[in-house]
Amino acid sequence: MFEKYIERFKKKYTIADNGCWEWTGWKNHDGYGFFRYLNKKEIQAHRFSAKHLAGQDITNKVVCHKCDNPGCVNPEHLFVGTQSDNVRDMHIKKRHKIPPSQKGIPKQKYQCPHCDKMVGGRSNALRWHFDNCKYKGVK
């Protein structure tokens, strides 16, 4: 019975030149795909792939993308870990963002001593980044 969901899932992606299985079904504003199965239960498509195509235990875990493509559902591009693992991966790849805490053009930029990202803006944005940079002590 569950095979029908697997077959339906496999019809909802295309394979890109870079090896990503690009989700063609519904995606949210961040680019993550969603899939409905079992009485309309909804799950993020990459989590479904990790659990049902790769057989990984995703309970109380996050499913991360090695390829940094939120629309990718290729099990070979996914790894299961903790939120800390995900944040560490994000900082190592230098793809974290400063939240839009205040409007205005930065007058001066500072280099974060933990991740080397150039951070500009008002003192609240700088303080937020330096206090929340999960890269502290990882270098």
N, C-alpha and C. Protein backbone atom coordinates (compact mmCIF):
# COMPACT_ATOMS: atom_id res chain seq x y z
N MET A 1 0.82 -1.21 0.00
CA MET A 1 0.00 0.00 0.00
C MET A 1 0.86 1.27 0.00
N PHE A 2 1.93 1.26 0.81
CA PHE A 2 2.76 2.46 0.91
C PHE A 2 3.51 2.73 -0.40
N GLU A 3 3.70 1.69 -1.22
CA GLU A 3 4.39 1.87 -2.49
C GLU A 3 3.72 2.90 -3.38
N LYS A 4 2.40 3.03 -3.27
CA LYS A 4 1.71 4.02 -4.11
C LYS A 4 2.16 5.44 -3.76
N TYR A 5 2.48 5.69 -2.48
CA TYR A 5 2.98 7.01 -2.08
C TYR A 5 4.40 7.23 -2.60
N ILE A 6 5.20 6.17 -2.54
CA ILE A 6 6.57 6.27 -3.06
C ILE A 6 6.54 6.56 -4.57
N GLU A 7 5.70 5.85 -5.28
CA GLU A 7 5.59 6.07 -6.73
C GLU A 7 5.09 7.48 -7.05
N ARG A 8 4.12 7.96 -6.29
CA ARG A 8 3.61 9.32 -6.50
C ARG A 8 4.69 10.35 -6.18
N PHE A 9 5.46 10.09 -5.12
CA PHE A 9 6.57 10.98 -4.75
C PHE A 9 7.58 11.08 -5.89
N LYS A 10 7.92 9.94 -6.48
CA LYS A 10 8.95 9.91 -7.53
C LYS A 10 8.52 10.65 -8.79
N LYS A 11 7.24 10.92 -8.94
CA LYS A 11 6.75 11.68 -10.09
C LYS A 11 6.81 13.18 -9.86
N LYS A 12 7.23 13.59 -8.67
CA LYS A 12 7.18 15.01 -8.31
C LYS A 12 8.56 15.66 -8.26
N TYR A 13 9.55 15.08 -8.90
CA TYR A 13 10.86 15.74 -9.00
C TYR A 13 11.47 15.46 -10.35
N THR A 14 12.38 16.34 -10.73
CA THR A 14 13.18 16.14 -11.93
C THR A 14 14.64 16.10 -11.51
N ILE A 15 15.46 15.43 -12.29
CA ILE A 15 16.88 15.31 -11.94
C ILE A 15 17.67 16.36 -12.71
N ALA A 16 18.35 17.22 -11.97
CA ALA A 16 19.14 18.31 -12.55
C ALA A 16 20.55 17.82 -12.90
N ASP A 17 21.26 18.61 -13.70
CA ASP A 17 22.62 18.26 -14.10
C ASP A 17 23.58 18.12 -12.92
N ASN A 18 23.31 18.85 -11.84
CA ASN A 18 24.18 18.80 -10.66
C ASN A 18 23.86 17.63 -9.73
N GLY A 19 22.91 16.78 -10.13
CA GLY A 19 22.55 15.62 -9.31
C GLY A 19 21.40 15.86 -8.36
N CYS A 20 20.98 17.10 -8.21
CA CYS A 20 19.84 17.39 -7.33
C CYS A 20 18.57 16.83 -7.95
N TRP A 21 17.72 16.30 -7.10
CA TRP A 21 16.38 15.90 -7.51
C TRP A 21 15.48 17.07 -7.15
N GLU A 22 15.21 17.91 -8.11
CA GLU A 22 14.49 19.17 -7.87
C GLU A 22 12.99 18.92 -7.73
N TRP A 23 12.45 19.28 -6.57
CA TRP A 23 11.03 19.08 -6.27
C TRP A 23 10.19 19.97 -7.18
N THR A 24 9.22 19.36 -7.86
CA THR A 24 8.35 20.12 -8.77
C THR A 24 6.96 20.32 -8.19
N GLY A 25 6.71 19.73 -7.03
CA GLY A 25 5.43 19.93 -6.35
C GLY A 25 5.42 21.28 -5.63
N TRP A 26 4.46 21.44 -4.71
CA TRP A 26 4.31 22.70 -4.00
C TRP A 26 5.52 22.98 -3.12
N LYS A 27 5.97 24.25 -3.15
CA LYS A 27 7.08 24.69 -2.30
C LYS A 27 6.64 25.92 -1.52
N ASN A 28 7.23 26.08 -0.35
CA ASN A 28 6.95 27.29 0.43
C ASN A 28 7.86 28.43 -0.03
N HIS A 29 7.76 29.59 0.61
CA HIS A 29 8.52 30.77 0.18
C HIS A 29 10.03 30.60 0.36
N ASP A 30 10.45 29.62 1.16
CA ASP A 30 11.88 29.37 1.34
C ASP A 30 12.41 28.32 0.36
N GLY A 31 11.53 27.77 -0.47
CA GLY A 31 11.94 26.80 -1.47
C GLY A 31 11.85 25.35 -1.05
N TYR A 32 11.34 25.07 0.16
CA TYR A 32 11.20 23.69 0.63
C TYR A 32 9.91 23.09 0.10
N GLY A 33 10.02 21.88 -0.46
CA GLY A 33 8.86 21.19 -0.99
C GLY A 33 8.06 20.50 0.09
N PHE A 34 6.78 20.27 -0.20
CA PHE A 34 5.89 19.56 0.72
C PHE A 34 5.17 18.46 -0.03
N PHE A 35 4.90 17.36 0.69
CA PHE A 35 4.27 16.19 0.10
C PHE A 35 3.18 15.70 1.05
N ARG A 36 2.02 15.34 0.48
CA ARG A 36 0.91 14.81 1.27
C ARG A 36 0.78 13.31 1.05
N TYR A 37 0.57 12.59 2.15
CA TYR A 37 0.37 11.15 2.09
C TYR A 37 -0.41 10.72 3.33
N LEU A 38 -0.83 9.47 3.37
CA LEU A 38 -1.55 8.91 4.53
C LEU A 38 -2.61 9.84 5.09
N ASN A 39 -3.75 9.85 4.48
CA ASN A 39 -4.86 10.68 4.95
C ASN A 39 -4.51 12.15 5.00
N LYS A 40 -3.81 12.60 3.98
CA LYS A 40 -3.45 14.01 3.81
C LYS A 40 -2.46 14.53 4.85
N LYS A 41 -1.67 13.63 5.44
CA LYS A 41 -0.60 14.06 6.32
C LYS A 41 0.44 14.77 5.47
N GLU A 42 0.87 15.94 5.90
CA GLU A 42 1.82 16.72 5.12
C GLU A 42 3.20 16.66 5.78
N ILE A 43 4.22 16.50 4.95
CA ILE A 43 5.59 16.43 5.43
C ILE A 43 6.47 17.18 4.44
N GLN A 44 7.57 17.74 4.92
CA GLN A 44 8.50 18.36 3.99
C GLN A 44 9.07 17.26 3.10
N ALA A 45 9.17 17.56 1.81
CA ALA A 45 9.55 16.55 0.82
C ALA A 45 10.93 15.96 1.10
N HIS A 46 11.88 16.77 1.52
CA HIS A 46 13.22 16.23 1.79
C HIS A 46 13.21 15.31 3.01
N ARG A 47 12.33 15.58 3.98
CA ARG A 47 12.21 14.68 5.14
C ARG A 47 11.58 13.35 4.72
N PHE A 48 10.58 13.40 3.85
CA PHE A 48 9.98 12.17 3.33
C PHE A 48 11.04 11.34 2.62
N SER A 49 11.86 11.98 1.81
CA SER A 49 12.91 11.29 1.06
C SER A 49 13.90 10.62 2.00
N ALA A 50 14.35 11.33 3.01
CA ALA A 50 15.32 10.76 3.96
C ALA A 50 14.72 9.57 4.70
N LYS A 51 13.46 9.69 5.08
CA LYS A 51 12.82 8.64 5.86
C LYS A 51 12.42 7.44 5.00
N HIS A 52 11.76 7.69 3.87
CA HIS A 52 11.16 6.59 3.13
C HIS A 52 11.98 6.10 1.94
N LEU A 53 12.87 6.93 1.40
CA LEU A 53 13.73 6.46 0.31
C LEU A 53 15.09 6.00 0.84
N ALA A 54 15.61 6.68 1.86
CA ALA A 54 16.91 6.31 2.41
C ALA A 54 16.80 5.47 3.67
N GLY A 55 15.61 5.41 4.26
CA GLY A 55 15.41 4.59 5.45
C GLY A 55 16.04 5.14 6.71
N GLN A 56 16.24 6.44 6.77
CA GLN A 56 16.88 7.05 7.94
C GLN A 56 15.84 7.40 9.01
N ASP A 57 16.25 7.33 10.25
CA ASP A 57 15.39 7.72 11.37
C ASP A 57 15.48 9.24 11.51
N ILE A 58 14.38 9.93 11.28
CA ILE A 58 14.38 11.40 11.34
C ILE A 58 13.67 11.93 12.59
N THR A 59 13.27 11.02 13.47
CA THR A 59 12.54 11.41 14.68
C THR A 59 13.38 12.37 15.52
N ASN A 60 12.80 13.53 15.81
CA ASN A 60 13.46 14.57 16.62
C ASN A 60 14.80 15.02 16.03
N LYS A 61 14.93 14.94 14.72
CA LYS A 61 16.16 15.36 14.04
C LYS A 61 15.80 16.32 12.92
N VAL A 62 16.80 17.00 12.41
CA VAL A 62 16.61 17.84 11.23
C VAL A 62 17.27 17.11 10.06
N VAL A 63 16.73 17.34 8.86
CA VAL A 63 17.30 16.77 7.65
C VAL A 63 17.95 17.92 6.89
N CYS A 64 19.25 17.85 6.72
CA CYS A 64 20.04 18.93 6.14
C CYS A 64 20.43 18.60 4.71
N HIS A 65 20.68 19.63 3.93
CA HIS A 65 21.09 19.49 2.53
C HIS A 65 22.59 19.71 2.39
N LYS A 66 23.31 18.72 1.91
CA LYS A 66 24.73 18.89 1.59
C LYS A 66 24.89 19.88 0.44
N CYS A 67 23.90 19.88 -0.47
CA CYS A 67 23.95 20.71 -1.67
C CYS A 67 23.43 22.13 -1.43
N ASP A 68 22.88 22.41 -0.26
CA ASP A 68 22.32 23.73 0.09
C ASP A 68 21.19 24.15 -0.83
N ASN A 69 20.50 23.18 -1.40
CA ASN A 69 19.35 23.45 -2.27
C ASN A 69 18.10 22.97 -1.54
N PRO A 70 17.29 23.88 -0.99
CA PRO A 70 16.13 23.45 -0.21
C PRO A 70 15.11 22.65 -1.01
N GLY A 71 15.12 22.75 -2.33
CA GLY A 71 14.19 22.01 -3.16
C GLY A 71 14.68 20.63 -3.56
N CYS A 72 15.87 20.25 -3.12
CA CYS A 72 16.45 18.96 -3.49
C CYS A 72 15.92 17.85 -2.58
N VAL A 73 15.53 16.72 -3.19
CA VAL A 73 15.05 15.57 -2.42
C VAL A 73 15.90 14.32 -2.69
N ASN A 74 17.08 14.49 -3.26
CA ASN A 74 17.98 13.38 -3.51
C ASN A 74 18.54 12.88 -2.18
N PRO A 75 18.27 11.62 -1.80
CA PRO A 75 18.74 11.12 -0.51
C PRO A 75 20.26 11.19 -0.35
N GLU A 76 21.00 11.13 -1.46
CA GLU A 76 22.46 11.23 -1.38
C GLU A 76 22.93 12.64 -1.05
N HIS A 77 22.06 13.63 -1.21
CA HIS A 77 22.39 15.02 -0.90
C HIS A 77 21.91 15.42 0.49
N LEU A 78 21.32 14.49 1.23
CA LEU A 78 20.73 14.80 2.53
C LEU A 78 21.50 14.11 3.65
N PHE A 79 21.53 14.74 4.82
CA PHE A 79 22.06 14.07 6.01
C PHE A 79 21.19 14.44 7.20
N VAL A 80 21.08 13.51 8.12
CA VAL A 80 20.26 13.70 9.31
C VAL A 80 21.17 14.10 10.46
N GLY A 81 20.75 15.11 11.20
CA GLY A 81 21.56 15.57 12.33
C GLY A 81 20.73 16.40 13.29
N THR A 82 21.42 17.10 14.15
CA THR A 82 20.77 17.98 15.11
C THR A 82 20.71 19.40 14.54
N GLN A 83 19.99 20.26 15.21
CA GLN A 83 19.96 21.66 14.78
C GLN A 83 21.36 22.27 14.89
N SER A 84 22.12 21.86 15.88
CA SER A 84 23.50 22.35 16.01
C SER A 84 24.35 21.93 14.81
N ASP A 85 24.16 20.70 14.34
CA ASP A 85 24.87 20.24 13.14
C ASP A 85 24.51 21.12 11.95
N ASN A 86 23.23 21.45 11.83
CA ASN A 86 22.76 22.26 10.72
C ASN A 86 23.36 23.68 10.78
N VAL A 87 23.38 24.26 11.96
CA VAL A 87 23.94 25.61 12.13
C VAL A 87 25.44 25.60 11.86
N ARG A 88 26.13 24.57 12.35
CA ARG A 88 27.58 24.47 12.11
C ARG A 88 27.85 24.37 10.61
N ASP A 89 27.08 23.54 9.91
CA ASP A 89 27.22 23.40 8.46
C ASP A 89 26.98 24.74 7.76
N MET A 90 25.97 25.47 8.22
CA MET A 90 25.64 26.77 7.65
C MET A 90 26.80 27.75 7.82
N HIS A 91 27.41 27.77 8.99
CA HIS A 91 28.51 28.70 9.24
C HIS A 91 29.78 28.29 8.50
N ILE A 92 30.06 27.01 8.43
CA ILE A 92 31.24 26.56 7.70
C ILE A 92 31.15 26.97 6.24
N LYS A 93 29.94 26.90 5.68
CA LYS A 93 29.73 27.27 4.28
C LYS A 93 29.48 28.77 4.11
N LYS A 94 29.47 29.49 5.21
CA LYS A 94 29.29 30.96 5.23
C LYS A 94 28.02 31.39 4.49
N ARG A 95 26.91 30.75 4.83
CA ARG A 95 25.65 31.12 4.19
C ARG A 95 24.61 31.58 5.21
N HIS A 96 25.07 32.07 6.37
CA HIS A 96 24.13 32.60 7.35
C HIS A 96 23.84 34.06 7.06
N LYS A 97 22.69 34.51 7.53
CA LYS A 97 22.25 35.87 7.25
C LYS A 97 22.04 36.63 8.55
N ILE A 98 22.20 37.92 8.46
CA ILE A 98 21.90 38.80 9.58
C ILE A 98 20.41 39.15 9.47
N PRO A 99 19.66 39.01 10.56
CA PRO A 99 18.23 39.34 10.48
C PRO A 99 18.02 40.83 10.23
N PRO A 100 16.96 41.17 9.51
CA PRO A 100 16.68 42.59 9.24
C PRO A 100 16.12 43.27 10.48
N SER A 101 16.99 43.53 11.43
CA SER A 101 16.52 44.08 12.71
C SER A 101 16.14 45.55 12.61
N GLN A 102 16.86 46.30 11.78
CA GLN A 102 16.57 47.72 11.66
C GLN A 102 16.80 48.17 10.23
N LYS A 103 16.04 49.16 9.81
CA LYS A 103 16.24 49.71 8.47
C LYS A 103 17.43 50.65 8.49
N GLY A 104 17.94 50.94 7.32
CA GLY A 104 19.04 51.89 7.23
C GLY A 104 20.25 51.28 6.55
N ILE A 105 21.03 52.13 5.95
CA ILE A 105 22.25 51.68 5.27
C ILE A 105 23.37 51.63 6.29
N PRO A 106 24.10 50.53 6.34
CA PRO A 106 25.20 50.44 7.31
C PRO A 106 26.23 51.54 7.08
N LYS A 107 26.67 52.15 8.15
CA LYS A 107 27.69 53.20 8.04
C LYS A 107 29.07 52.60 8.15
N GLN A 108 29.17 51.46 8.84
CA GLN A 108 30.47 50.86 9.05
C GLN A 108 30.29 49.36 9.11
N LYS A 109 31.30 48.60 8.65
CA LYS A 109 31.24 47.16 8.70
C LYS A 109 32.34 46.64 9.61
N TYR A 110 32.02 45.53 10.27
CA TYR A 110 32.96 44.89 11.18
C TYR A 110 33.08 43.43 10.80
N GLN A 111 34.25 42.86 11.01
CA GLN A 111 34.44 41.45 10.70
C GLN A 111 34.18 40.64 11.95
N CYS A 112 33.27 39.66 11.83
CA CYS A 112 32.95 38.80 12.96
C CYS A 112 34.18 37.98 13.31
N PRO A 113 34.59 37.99 14.57
CA PRO A 113 35.79 37.25 14.96
C PRO A 113 35.59 35.74 14.92
N HIS A 114 34.35 35.28 14.80
CA HIS A 114 34.07 33.85 14.84
C HIS A 114 33.95 33.23 13.45
N CYS A 115 33.36 33.96 12.50
CA CYS A 115 33.11 33.36 11.18
C CYS A 115 33.68 34.21 10.03
N ASP A 116 34.30 35.32 10.33
CA ASP A 116 34.92 36.22 9.35
C ASP A 116 33.92 36.93 8.44
N LYS A 117 32.62 36.80 8.72
CA LYS A 117 31.62 37.50 7.92
C LYS A 117 31.71 39.00 8.21
N MET A 118 31.58 39.79 7.15
CA MET A 118 31.56 41.24 7.33
C MET A 118 30.14 41.62 7.74
N VAL A 119 30.02 42.24 8.89
CA VAL A 119 28.72 42.59 9.45
C VAL A 119 28.62 44.10 9.54
N GLY A 120 27.56 44.64 8.99
CA GLY A 120 27.36 46.07 9.05
C GLY A 120 26.00 46.39 9.60
N GLY A 121 25.84 47.59 10.05
CA GLY A 121 24.54 48.01 10.54
C GLY A 121 24.64 48.69 11.88
N ARG A 122 23.49 48.84 12.48
CA ARG A 122 23.44 49.48 13.78
C ARG A 122 23.87 48.51 14.86
N SER A 123 24.07 49.03 16.04
CA SER A 123 24.64 48.23 17.13
C SER A 123 23.79 47.01 17.48
N ASN A 124 22.46 47.09 17.33
CA ASN A 124 21.62 45.95 17.67
C ASN A 124 21.90 44.77 16.73
N ALA A 125 22.04 45.04 15.44
CA ALA A 125 22.32 43.97 14.48
C ALA A 125 23.70 43.37 14.73
N LEU A 126 24.68 44.21 15.03
CA LEU A 126 26.02 43.72 15.32
C LEU A 126 26.03 42.86 16.58
N ARG A 127 25.38 43.36 17.61
CA ARG A 127 25.34 42.63 18.88
C ARG A 127 24.63 41.28 18.68
N TRP A 128 23.52 41.30 17.89
CA TRP A 128 22.78 40.06 17.63
C TRP A 128 23.70 39.05 16.95
N HIS A 129 24.42 39.49 15.93
CA HIS A 129 25.29 38.55 15.20
C HIS A 129 26.40 38.01 16.10
N PHE A 130 27.10 38.89 16.78
CA PHE A 130 28.23 38.43 17.60
C PHE A 130 27.77 37.52 18.73
N ASP A 131 26.60 37.81 19.33
CA ASP A 131 26.09 36.98 20.42
C ASP A 131 25.56 35.65 19.93
N ASN A 132 25.03 35.61 18.70
CA ASN A 132 24.36 34.41 18.20
C ASN A 132 25.18 33.64 17.18
N CYS A 133 26.37 34.05 16.91
CA CYS A 133 27.20 33.36 15.94
C CYS A 133 27.57 31.99 16.51
N LYS A 134 27.01 30.96 15.95
CA LYS A 134 27.23 29.60 16.44
C LYS A 134 28.61 29.07 16.07
N TYR A 135 29.38 29.86 15.37
CA TYR A 135 30.70 29.45 14.95
C TYR A 135 31.74 29.68 16.06
N LYS A 136 31.30 30.25 17.18
CA LYS A 136 32.19 30.52 18.30
C LYS A 136 32.85 29.21 18.74
N GLY A 137 34.16 29.21 18.84
CA GLY A 137 34.89 28.06 19.32
C GLY A 137 34.98 26.88 18.36
N VAL A 138 34.49 27.04 17.13
CA VAL A 138 34.53 25.93 16.17
C VAL A 138 35.78 25.99 15.31
N LYS A 139 36.28 27.21 15.08
CA LYS A 139 37.46 27.38 14.22
C LYS A 139 38.65 26.67 14.78
